[in-house]
Amino acid sequence: MTRQLLTVVALSFAILVSAVAVVQAKHKTREMSHELQIERVERDKLSTEWAQLQLEESAWANPDRVAQVARRELGMVQPRNYVVLESQK
């Protein structure tokens, strides 16, 4: 009788520990899923910002704009005998 009682108590304890472990695992999974969602939103925002910065960079680096700023703000002029080589076009 004592051996059966000890077995039942041990099994009951094992079930209880198992149940607590399942609850903790589910809780951790939910926390991590929430964290993942937050990180995905942040990734999407950063991706959008990166695309906008690339567009802005290409606009600022446009050769025509650079030449216009050089003339207007820096007073630079193109030399009179300036020849553009085919490899530079």
N, C-alpha and C. Protein backbone atom coordinates (compact mmCIF):
# COMPACT_ATOMS: atom_id res chain seq x y z
N MET A 1 0.83 -1.19 0.00
CA MET A 1 0.00 0.00 0.00
C MET A 1 0.88 1.26 0.00
N THR A 2 1.92 1.27 0.73
CA THR A 2 2.80 2.41 0.82
C THR A 2 3.50 2.66 -0.51
N ARG A 3 3.89 1.57 -1.15
CA ARG A 3 4.57 1.69 -2.44
C ARG A 3 3.62 2.29 -3.49
N GLN A 4 2.37 1.87 -3.49
CA GLN A 4 1.39 2.41 -4.44
C GLN A 4 1.13 3.89 -4.16
N LEU A 5 1.04 4.24 -2.90
CA LEU A 5 0.81 5.64 -2.52
C LEU A 5 2.00 6.50 -2.95
N LEU A 6 3.19 5.98 -2.74
CA LEU A 6 4.40 6.70 -3.15
C LEU A 6 4.44 6.88 -4.67
N THR A 7 4.04 5.86 -5.41
CA THR A 7 4.00 5.93 -6.87
C THR A 7 2.97 6.97 -7.33
N VAL A 8 1.80 6.96 -6.71
CA VAL A 8 0.75 7.94 -7.06
C VAL A 8 1.22 9.36 -6.75
N VAL A 9 1.85 9.56 -5.61
CA VAL A 9 2.33 10.88 -5.24
C VAL A 9 3.43 11.33 -6.23
N ALA A 10 4.33 10.44 -6.56
CA ALA A 10 5.41 10.77 -7.49
C ALA A 10 4.85 11.11 -8.87
N LEU A 11 3.89 10.31 -9.34
CA LEU A 11 3.28 10.58 -10.63
C LEU A 11 2.49 11.89 -10.62
N SER A 12 1.79 12.14 -9.54
CA SER A 12 1.03 13.39 -9.40
C SER A 12 1.98 14.59 -9.43
N PHE A 13 3.09 14.46 -8.73
CA PHE A 13 4.09 15.53 -8.72
C PHE A 13 4.67 15.74 -10.12
N ALA A 14 4.95 14.64 -10.81
CA ALA A 14 5.48 14.74 -12.17
C ALA A 14 4.48 15.41 -13.10
N ILE A 15 3.21 15.10 -12.96
CA ILE A 15 2.16 15.72 -13.76
C ILE A 15 2.08 17.22 -13.46
N LEU A 16 2.15 17.57 -12.19
CA LEU A 16 2.10 18.97 -11.78
C LEU A 16 3.29 19.75 -12.36
N VAL A 17 4.47 19.18 -12.25
CA VAL A 17 5.67 19.84 -12.79
C VAL A 17 5.55 19.97 -14.30
N SER A 18 5.05 18.95 -14.94
CA SER A 18 4.87 18.98 -16.38
C SER A 18 3.87 20.06 -16.79
N ALA A 19 2.79 20.17 -16.05
CA ALA A 19 1.77 21.18 -16.36
C ALA A 19 2.33 22.59 -16.20
N VAL A 20 3.10 22.81 -15.15
CA VAL A 20 3.71 24.13 -14.93
C VAL A 20 4.69 24.43 -16.07
N ALA A 21 5.45 23.43 -16.49
CA ALA A 21 6.40 23.63 -17.59
C ALA A 21 5.67 23.98 -18.89
N VAL A 22 4.55 23.36 -19.15
CA VAL A 22 3.76 23.66 -20.35
C VAL A 22 3.25 25.10 -20.30
N VAL A 23 2.75 25.52 -19.15
CA VAL A 23 2.25 26.89 -19.00
C VAL A 23 3.38 27.89 -19.21
N GLN A 24 4.54 27.62 -18.64
CA GLN A 24 5.67 28.53 -18.80
C GLN A 24 6.12 28.58 -20.27
N ALA A 25 6.13 27.46 -20.92
CA ALA A 25 6.54 27.42 -22.33
C ALA A 25 5.56 28.20 -23.19
N LYS A 26 4.26 28.05 -22.94
CA LYS A 26 3.26 28.80 -23.70
C LYS A 26 3.41 30.30 -23.47
N HIS A 27 3.64 30.67 -22.23
CA HIS A 27 3.80 32.08 -21.89
C HIS A 27 5.03 32.65 -22.60
N LYS A 28 6.13 31.94 -22.56
CA LYS A 28 7.36 32.39 -23.22
C LYS A 28 7.15 32.50 -24.73
N THR A 29 6.44 31.54 -25.30
CA THR A 29 6.16 31.56 -26.74
C THR A 29 5.34 32.79 -27.11
N ARG A 30 4.35 33.11 -26.31
CA ARG A 30 3.53 34.31 -26.58
C ARG A 30 4.36 35.58 -26.46
N GLU A 31 5.21 35.64 -25.44
CA GLU A 31 6.07 36.81 -25.28
C GLU A 31 6.98 36.98 -26.49
N MET A 32 7.57 35.89 -26.93
CA MET A 32 8.50 35.95 -28.06
C MET A 32 7.77 36.27 -29.36
N SER A 33 6.57 35.78 -29.52
CA SER A 33 5.78 36.10 -30.72
C SER A 33 5.47 37.59 -30.76
N HIS A 34 5.12 38.14 -29.62
CA HIS A 34 4.84 39.57 -29.53
C HIS A 34 6.11 40.37 -29.85
N GLU A 35 7.23 39.96 -29.30
CA GLU A 35 8.50 40.62 -29.55
C GLU A 35 8.87 40.55 -31.04
N LEU A 36 8.63 39.39 -31.64
CA LEU A 36 8.91 39.21 -33.07
C LEU A 36 8.07 40.17 -33.91
N GLN A 37 6.81 40.32 -33.55
CA GLN A 37 5.92 41.22 -34.27
C GLN A 37 6.42 42.66 -34.18
N ILE A 38 6.85 43.06 -32.99
CA ILE A 38 7.39 44.41 -32.80
C ILE A 38 8.62 44.62 -33.67
N GLU A 39 9.50 43.63 -33.70
CA GLU A 39 10.72 43.73 -34.50
C GLU A 39 10.40 43.76 -36.00
N ARG A 40 9.40 43.05 -36.43
CA ARG A 40 9.00 43.09 -37.83
C ARG A 40 8.49 44.46 -38.23
N VAL A 41 7.71 45.07 -37.35
CA VAL A 41 7.21 46.43 -37.62
C VAL A 41 8.38 47.40 -37.71
N GLU A 42 9.33 47.26 -36.80
CA GLU A 42 10.52 48.12 -36.82
C GLU A 42 11.33 47.90 -38.10
N ARG A 43 11.46 46.64 -38.51
CA ARG A 43 12.18 46.33 -39.75
C ARG A 43 11.50 46.99 -40.95
N ASP A 44 10.17 46.93 -41.00
CA ASP A 44 9.44 47.54 -42.10
C ASP A 44 9.63 49.06 -42.12
N LYS A 45 9.61 49.68 -40.95
CA LYS A 45 9.83 51.13 -40.87
C LYS A 45 11.22 51.48 -41.36
N LEU A 46 12.21 50.72 -40.91
CA LEU A 46 13.59 50.99 -41.32
C LEU A 46 13.78 50.75 -42.81
N SER A 47 13.12 49.75 -43.34
CA SER A 47 13.22 49.46 -44.77
C SER A 47 12.63 50.61 -45.59
N THR A 48 11.51 51.13 -45.15
CA THR A 48 10.89 52.27 -45.82
C THR A 48 11.80 53.49 -45.74
N GLU A 49 12.35 53.74 -44.56
CA GLU A 49 13.25 54.88 -44.39
C GLU A 49 14.49 54.73 -45.28
N TRP A 50 15.03 53.52 -45.37
CA TRP A 50 16.20 53.28 -46.21
C TRP A 50 15.89 53.57 -47.69
N ALA A 51 14.73 53.14 -48.14
CA ALA A 51 14.34 53.39 -49.52
C ALA A 51 14.21 54.89 -49.78
N GLN A 52 13.64 55.61 -48.82
CA GLN A 52 13.50 57.06 -48.97
C GLN A 52 14.87 57.74 -49.00
N LEU A 53 15.78 57.27 -48.16
CA LEU A 53 17.13 57.85 -48.14
C LEU A 53 17.87 57.58 -49.44
N GLN A 54 17.67 56.41 -50.00
CA GLN A 54 18.31 56.11 -51.29
C GLN A 54 17.78 57.02 -52.39
N LEU A 55 16.48 57.25 -52.39
CA LEU A 55 15.89 58.17 -53.38
C LEU A 55 16.43 59.59 -53.19
N GLU A 56 16.51 60.01 -51.95
CA GLU A 56 17.02 61.34 -51.66
C GLU A 56 18.49 61.46 -52.09
N GLU A 57 19.26 60.43 -51.81
CA GLU A 57 20.67 60.45 -52.21
C GLU A 57 20.81 60.54 -53.73
N SER A 58 20.00 59.78 -54.45
CA SER A 58 20.10 59.83 -55.91
C SER A 58 19.69 61.21 -56.43
N ALA A 59 18.74 61.85 -55.77
CA ALA A 59 18.33 63.19 -56.20
C ALA A 59 19.44 64.21 -55.93
N TRP A 60 20.06 64.12 -54.77
CA TRP A 60 21.13 65.06 -54.42
C TRP A 60 22.38 64.84 -55.28
N ALA A 61 22.61 63.61 -55.71
CA ALA A 61 23.82 63.28 -56.46
C ALA A 61 23.62 63.40 -57.97
N ASN A 62 22.48 63.84 -58.41
CA ASN A 62 22.21 64.00 -59.83
C ASN A 62 23.26 64.94 -60.43
N PRO A 63 23.96 64.53 -61.48
CA PRO A 63 25.03 65.36 -62.05
C PRO A 63 24.56 66.76 -62.48
N ASP A 64 23.36 66.86 -63.01
CA ASP A 64 22.85 68.18 -63.41
C ASP A 64 22.68 69.09 -62.21
N ARG A 65 22.18 68.54 -61.12
CA ARG A 65 22.00 69.31 -59.90
C ARG A 65 23.33 69.73 -59.32
N VAL A 66 24.29 68.81 -59.32
CA VAL A 66 25.62 69.13 -58.80
C VAL A 66 26.25 70.26 -59.61
N ALA A 67 26.12 70.19 -60.94
CA ALA A 67 26.67 71.23 -61.80
C ALA A 67 25.98 72.57 -61.54
N GLN A 68 24.68 72.54 -61.36
CA GLN A 68 23.92 73.77 -61.10
C GLN A 68 24.35 74.40 -59.78
N VAL A 69 24.50 73.60 -58.75
CA VAL A 69 24.93 74.11 -57.44
C VAL A 69 26.36 74.64 -57.53
N ALA A 70 27.20 73.93 -58.27
CA ALA A 70 28.58 74.39 -58.43
C ALA A 70 28.63 75.76 -59.07
N ARG A 71 27.80 75.98 -60.08
CA ARG A 71 27.77 77.28 -60.75
C ARG A 71 27.15 78.35 -59.85
N ARG A 72 26.01 78.06 -59.29
CA ARG A 72 25.25 79.06 -58.54
C ARG A 72 25.90 79.39 -57.20
N GLU A 73 26.23 78.39 -56.41
CA GLU A 73 26.69 78.65 -55.05
C GLU A 73 28.20 78.77 -54.92
N LEU A 74 28.94 78.12 -55.79
CA LEU A 74 30.39 78.16 -55.69
C LEU A 74 31.05 79.01 -56.76
N GLY A 75 30.24 79.49 -57.70
CA GLY A 75 30.77 80.35 -58.76
C GLY A 75 31.70 79.62 -59.71
N MET A 76 31.56 78.33 -59.83
CA MET A 76 32.42 77.56 -60.72
C MET A 76 31.91 77.67 -62.15
N VAL A 77 32.84 77.63 -63.09
CA VAL A 77 32.48 77.68 -64.50
C VAL A 77 33.20 76.56 -65.23
N GLN A 78 32.63 76.17 -66.34
CA GLN A 78 33.25 75.13 -67.16
C GLN A 78 34.34 75.78 -68.02
N PRO A 79 35.51 75.17 -68.10
CA PRO A 79 36.58 75.74 -68.93
C PRO A 79 36.14 75.88 -70.40
N ARG A 80 36.68 76.85 -71.12
CA ARG A 80 36.29 77.12 -72.50
C ARG A 80 36.63 75.97 -73.44
N ASN A 81 37.78 75.42 -73.30
CA ASN A 81 38.23 74.36 -74.22
C ASN A 81 37.97 72.97 -73.63
N TYR A 82 36.92 72.84 -72.91
CA TYR A 82 36.60 71.58 -72.24
C TYR A 82 36.05 70.58 -73.26
N VAL A 83 36.66 69.42 -73.33
CA VAL A 83 36.22 68.36 -74.26
C VAL A 83 35.89 67.14 -73.43
N VAL A 84 34.70 66.61 -73.64
CA VAL A 84 34.28 65.41 -72.93
C VAL A 84 34.70 64.21 -73.75
N LEU A 85 35.50 63.36 -73.16
CA LEU A 85 35.94 62.14 -73.85
C LEU A 85 34.82 61.13 -73.88
N GLU A 86 34.82 60.28 -74.86
CA GLU A 86 33.78 59.26 -75.00
C GLU A 86 33.70 58.37 -73.76
N SER A 87 34.83 58.08 -73.13
CA SER A 87 34.83 57.19 -71.97
C SER A 87 34.22 57.86 -70.74
N GLN A 88 34.12 59.19 -70.74
CA GLN A 88 33.57 59.92 -69.60
C GLN A 88 32.07 60.17 -69.73
N LYS A 89 31.50 59.94 -70.87
CA LYS A 89 30.07 60.22 -71.07
C LYS A 89 29.22 59.20 -70.39
